[in-house]
C-alpha cells in the first residue's frame, strides 16, 4: 500500500500531534471510496509518520473476513471484527483503535453525496470509549470520495452476489478490469483535537443523552473539518 500512499494518492497528513504517543485512544473517521482504501491509508499515516509509529488496530465488518484472500490480509494487518467486546479488549490493552461508523453507507454512497457524512448509528463507539475512558480522536479524510465516483448502485447484482452494493462508476464495469483502477486523487488526512472521556466515568456509557451528545460532537467535528479541507483545495488531483 505504501506506493499508493506516497506516489499515487500523495497523502498529506495533518494533526498527528493530536494522536497520543502511548496508551489507548479511539480514532473515528469518515468512510468513502467504494473500496475501503481510506482505512489502510490512515493506518500507514500513523505507522510511518507518527512520532511513536503507532499501529492502528482497525475494526472491520464481518463481510471482510468472509471474503477469500481479503479476510486473511485483513487479519495480517491487525484488523479485528467490529464488535464491542473486541474494541474494549484492544482499548484495555492500551492499543490505538480505528473505527469508521458510517460503514457501508459511507463507502457505498453516490458521488452526489460526497463529503456528506451518513448516520453514525446509535453511538456504540462512543459508549465503548466511555467504558474504557479512552479519548476519541476525530479524523477527516479528503480525496477518497473521488477514486471510484459511484453514479449508480446496481441492486439486483448486489443481491445476487450477497454484497451491500454493486457500484457503477464512469469506468466500471464498462471497461472491465481497467475500470477497477482508482483515479489518482490527492488525499489529505487530518486528525482533530481529541475529545476526552476520562472525566465522565465508565457509568456515563449507560446515559443515552451523554452518548448521543458526544456522538453528535464527533460527527460535527469531522463534518466541519471535511468542509474546510474541501473548500481549501485547488483541485481534486493536486
Protein backbone atom coordinates (compact mmCIF):
# COMPACT_ATOMS: atom_id res chain seq x y z
CA UNK A 1 0.00 0.00 0.00
CA UNK A 2 2.92 2.40 0.52
CA UNK A 3 3.41 3.16 -3.21
CA UNK A 4 -0.29 4.10 -3.39
CA UNK A 5 0.07 6.26 -0.29
CA UNK A 6 3.28 8.03 -1.32
CA UNK A 7 3.22 8.20 -5.12
CA UNK A 8 -0.33 7.71 -6.32
CA UNK A 9 -2.57 9.43 -3.76
CA UNK A 10 0.28 11.64 -2.44
CA UNK A 11 -1.29 11.64 1.00
CA UNK A 12 -0.74 14.70 3.17
CA UNK A 13 -1.24 14.02 6.86
CA UNK A 14 -2.01 16.72 9.43
CA UNK A 15 -2.65 16.88 13.15
CA UNK A 16 -0.54 13.89 14.18
CA UNK A 17 0.17 15.69 17.47
CA UNK A 18 -3.46 15.05 18.41
CA UNK A 19 -2.92 11.28 18.44
CA UNK A 20 -1.47 10.11 21.78
CA UNK A 21 2.04 8.66 21.62
CA UNK A 22 1.07 5.88 24.03
CA UNK A 23 -2.00 4.42 25.65
CA UNK A 24 -5.48 3.75 24.40
CA UNK A 25 -7.36 6.04 22.04
CA UNK A 26 -10.21 5.63 19.56
CA UNK A 27 -9.72 7.16 16.10
CA UNK A 28 -13.09 7.85 14.43
CA UNK A 29 -13.06 8.73 10.71
CA UNK A 30 -15.38 9.31 7.78
CA UNK A 31 -15.68 6.44 5.30
CA UNK A 32 -15.82 6.60 1.50
CA UNK A 33 -14.32 5.36 -1.73
CA UNK A 34 -16.32 2.24 -2.75
CA UNK A 35 -13.36 0.09 -1.63
CA UNK A 36 -12.18 0.94 1.91
CA UNK A 37 -8.69 2.09 0.99
CA UNK A 38 -9.15 5.07 3.32
CA UNK A 39 -8.71 2.84 6.36
CA UNK A 40 -5.45 1.42 5.01
CA UNK A 41 -4.10 4.88 4.16
CA UNK A 42 -4.93 6.03 7.70
CA UNK A 43 -3.09 3.04 9.12
CA UNK A 44 0.01 3.86 7.02
CA UNK A 45 -0.12 7.54 8.02
CA UNK A 46 0.11 6.61 11.69
CA UNK A 47 2.59 3.78 11.26
CA UNK A 48 5.04 5.73 9.09
CA UNK A 49 4.62 9.36 10.16
CA UNK A 50 3.50 9.48 13.78
CA UNK A 51 6.50 10.16 16.09
CA UNK A 52 5.69 6.97 18.02
CA UNK A 53 4.93 4.98 14.81
CA UNK A 54 1.65 3.80 16.26
CA UNK A 55 -0.07 0.75 14.87
CA UNK A 56 -3.77 1.37 14.24
CA UNK A 57 -5.88 -1.69 15.07
CA UNK A 58 -8.83 -1.32 12.73
CA UNK A 59 -12.33 -2.67 13.32
CA UNK A 60 -13.80 -4.26 10.18
CA UNK A 61 -17.19 -5.60 9.11
CA UNK A 62 -17.81 -9.35 9.03
CA UNK A 63 -18.03 -9.29 5.20
CA UNK A 64 -14.31 -8.52 5.07
CA UNK A 65 -13.46 -11.68 7.00
CA UNK A 66 -15.82 -13.80 4.91
CA UNK A 67 -14.17 -12.71 1.66
CA UNK A 68 -11.41 -15.03 0.38
CA UNK A 69 -7.91 -13.52 0.45
CA UNK A 70 -9.20 -10.17 1.73
CA UNK A 71 -10.08 -11.67 5.10
CA UNK A 72 -6.63 -13.20 5.51
CA UNK A 73 -4.93 -9.92 4.55
CA UNK A 74 -7.14 -8.03 7.00
CA UNK A 75 -6.11 -10.34 9.83
CA UNK A 76 -2.42 -9.92 8.97
CA UNK A 77 -2.75 -6.12 9.22
CA UNK A 78 -4.23 -6.48 12.70
CA UNK A 79 -7.84 -5.76 11.69
CA UNK A 80 -10.41 -7.15 14.14
CA UNK A 81 -14.12 -7.86 13.78
CA UNK A 82 -16.10 -4.73 14.62
CA UNK A 83 -17.84 -5.60 17.87
CA UNK A 84 -17.96 -4.06 21.33
CA UNK A 85 -16.07 -6.88 23.04
CA UNK A 86 -13.14 -6.69 20.61
CA UNK A 87 -12.94 -2.90 20.80
CA UNK A 88 -12.96 -2.89 24.61
CA UNK A 89 -10.31 -5.60 24.77
CA UNK A 90 -7.99 -3.65 22.46
CA UNK A 91 -8.50 -0.40 24.34
CA UNK A 92 -7.92 -2.15 27.68
CA UNK A 93 -4.52 -3.25 26.31
CA UNK A 94 -3.66 0.36 25.50
CA UNK A 95 -4.00 -0.03 21.72
CA UNK A 96 -4.87 2.65 19.20
CA UNK A 97 -8.18 1.57 17.65
CA UNK A 98 -9.75 2.81 14.41
CA UNK A 99 -13.46 2.81 13.61
CA UNK A 100 -15.44 4.06 10.60
CA UNK A 101 -19.01 4.35 11.94
CA UNK A 102 -20.64 5.17 8.60
CA UNK A 103 -19.87 1.61 7.47
CA UNK A 104 -21.27 0.55 4.10
CA UNK A 105 -23.50 3.64 3.99
CA UNK A 106 -20.33 5.70 3.71
CA UNK A 107 -18.24 3.77 1.21
CA UNK A 108 -21.25 2.93 -0.96
CA UNK A 109 -22.88 6.36 -1.16
CA UNK A 110 -23.35 8.05 -4.57
CA UNK A 111 -20.93 10.69 -5.79
CA UNK A 112 -23.66 13.32 -5.50
CA UNK A 113 -23.49 12.87 -1.70
CA UNK A 114 -19.69 13.15 -1.46
CA UNK A 115 -18.33 14.58 1.79
CA UNK A 116 -21.76 14.47 3.42
CA UNK A 117 -21.49 12.26 6.47
CA UNK A 118 -24.00 9.45 6.75
CA UNK A 119 -25.58 8.36 10.04
CA UNK A 120 -23.21 7.26 12.80
CA UNK A 121 -25.67 4.73 14.19
CA UNK A 122 -26.53 4.77 17.87
CA UNK A 123 -23.12 5.82 19.11
CA UNK A 124 -21.78 2.42 20.05
CA UNK A 125 -18.21 3.62 19.52
CA UNK A 126 -18.77 6.47 22.00
CA UNK A 127 -20.14 4.10 24.64
CA UNK A 128 -17.09 1.89 24.15
CA UNK A 129 -14.74 4.86 24.60
CA UNK A 130 -16.61 5.93 27.74
CA UNK A 131 -16.40 2.48 29.31
CA UNK A 132 -12.68 2.35 28.53
CA UNK A 133 -12.13 6.02 29.46
CA UNK A 134 -10.21 6.39 26.19
CA UNK A 135 -10.02 9.70 24.30
CA UNK A 136 -11.78 9.97 20.94
CA UNK A 137 -9.73 11.40 18.06
CA UNK A 138 -11.97 12.58 15.15
CA UNK A 139 -10.33 12.14 11.75
CA UNK A 140 -11.30 13.69 8.40
CA UNK A 141 -10.22 12.11 5.11
CA UNK A 142 -10.46 14.04 1.84
CA UNK A 143 -9.66 12.50 -1.54
CA UNK A 144 -11.11 9.02 -1.15
CA UNK A 145 -14.52 10.11 -2.48
CA UNK A 146 -13.04 10.63 -5.96
CA UNK A 147 -11.16 7.36 -6.54
CA UNK A 148 -14.31 5.49 -7.68
CA UNK A 149 -17.16 8.01 -8.25
CA UNK A 150 -20.38 5.99 -7.86
CA UNK A 151 -23.01 7.04 -10.37
CA UNK A 152 -25.38 4.13 -9.68
CA UNK A 153 -25.90 1.14 -7.41
CA UNK A 154 -26.88 -1.98 -9.38
CA UNK A 155 -29.06 -3.51 -6.67
CA UNK A 156 -30.05 -6.76 -8.48
CA UNK A 157 -26.37 -7.65 -8.88
CA UNK A 158 -25.69 -6.71 -5.27
CA UNK A 159 -28.45 -9.06 -4.07
CA UNK A 160 -27.21 -11.82 -6.38
CA UNK A 161 -23.67 -11.55 -5.02
CA UNK A 162 -24.75 -11.03 -1.42
CA UNK A 163 -22.97 -7.69 -1.04
CA UNK A 164 -24.30 -4.37 0.34
CA UNK A 165 -23.98 -2.60 -3.03
CA UNK A 166 -22.64 -3.09 -6.55
CA UNK A 167 -21.19 0.19 -7.79
CA UNK A 168 -21.29 1.55 -11.32
CA UNK A 169 -18.71 4.27 -11.95
CA UNK A 170 -17.81 6.17 -15.14
CA UNK A 171 -15.27 3.39 -15.85
CA UNK A 172 -16.56 0.27 -14.06
CA UNK A 173 -17.87 -2.23 -15.10
CA UNK A 174 -17.81 -0.80 -18.62
CA UNK A 175 -14.02 -1.12 -19.08
CA UNK A 176 -13.71 -4.43 -17.26
CA UNK A 177 -10.59 -4.83 -15.10
CA UNK A 178 -9.24 -1.46 -16.30
CA UNK A 179 -12.27 0.19 -14.75
CA UNK A 180 -11.16 -1.06 -11.32
CA UNK A 181 -8.07 1.18 -11.35
CA UNK A 182 -8.69 4.03 -8.88
CA UNK A 183 -8.39 7.62 -10.03
CA UNK A 184 -5.25 9.39 -8.73
CA UNK A 185 -6.90 11.91 -6.44
CA UNK A 186 -4.85 13.96 -3.97
CA UNK A 187 -5.56 12.96 -0.37
CA UNK A 188 -5.46 14.80 2.93
CA UNK A 189 -5.88 13.05 6.30
CA UNK A 190 -6.35 15.34 9.29
CA UNK A 191 -6.52 14.19 12.90
CA UNK A 192 -8.52 16.62 15.02
CA UNK A 193 -8.15 17.59 18.65
CA UNK A 194 -9.08 14.64 20.89
CA UNK A 195 -12.27 14.58 22.91
CA UNK A 196 -11.58 13.36 26.45
CA UNK A 197 -13.86 10.85 28.17
CA UNK A 198 -11.98 10.07 31.40
CA UNK A 199 -13.73 12.81 33.38
CA UNK A 200 -17.17 11.42 32.57
CA UNK A 201 -16.56 7.97 34.05
CA UNK A 202 -17.47 4.49 32.70
CA UNK A 203 -21.01 4.73 34.11
CA UNK A 204 -21.80 7.53 31.63
CA UNK A 205 -21.82 4.91 28.85
CA UNK A 206 -25.32 3.99 30.08
CA UNK A 207 -26.57 7.58 29.79
CA UNK A 208 -28.15 7.88 26.35
CA UNK A 209 -28.07 11.69 26.41
CA UNK A 210 -24.33 11.72 27.05
CA UNK A 211 -23.68 9.12 24.35
CA UNK A 212 -25.80 10.94 21.76
CA UNK A 213 -24.27 14.31 22.65
CA UNK A 214 -20.72 13.00 22.24
CA UNK A 215 -21.65 11.20 19.02
CA UNK A 216 -23.02 14.45 17.64
CA UNK A 217 -19.89 16.31 18.72
CA UNK A 218 -17.61 13.82 16.94
CA UNK A 219 -19.73 13.85 13.79
CA UNK A 220 -19.91 17.66 13.73
CA UNK A 221 -16.13 17.96 14.19
CA UNK A 222 -15.46 15.62 11.27
CA UNK A 223 -18.05 17.32 9.02
CA UNK A 224 -16.69 20.82 9.71
CA UNK A 225 -13.14 19.64 9.04
CA UNK A 226 -14.22 17.99 5.77
CA UNK A 227 -15.96 21.18 4.67
CA UNK A 228 -12.85 23.23 5.42
CA UNK A 229 -10.46 20.88 3.65
CA UNK A 230 -12.66 20.50 0.56
CA UNK A 231 -13.18 24.27 0.20
CA UNK A 232 -9.44 24.93 0.55
CA UNK A 233 -8.17 22.51 -2.08
CA UNK A 234 -7.42 23.79 -5.56
CA UNK A 235 -8.20 20.60 -7.45
CA UNK A 236 -9.25 17.01 -6.91
CA UNK A 237 -5.97 15.80 -8.40
CA UNK A 238 -3.32 18.14 -6.93
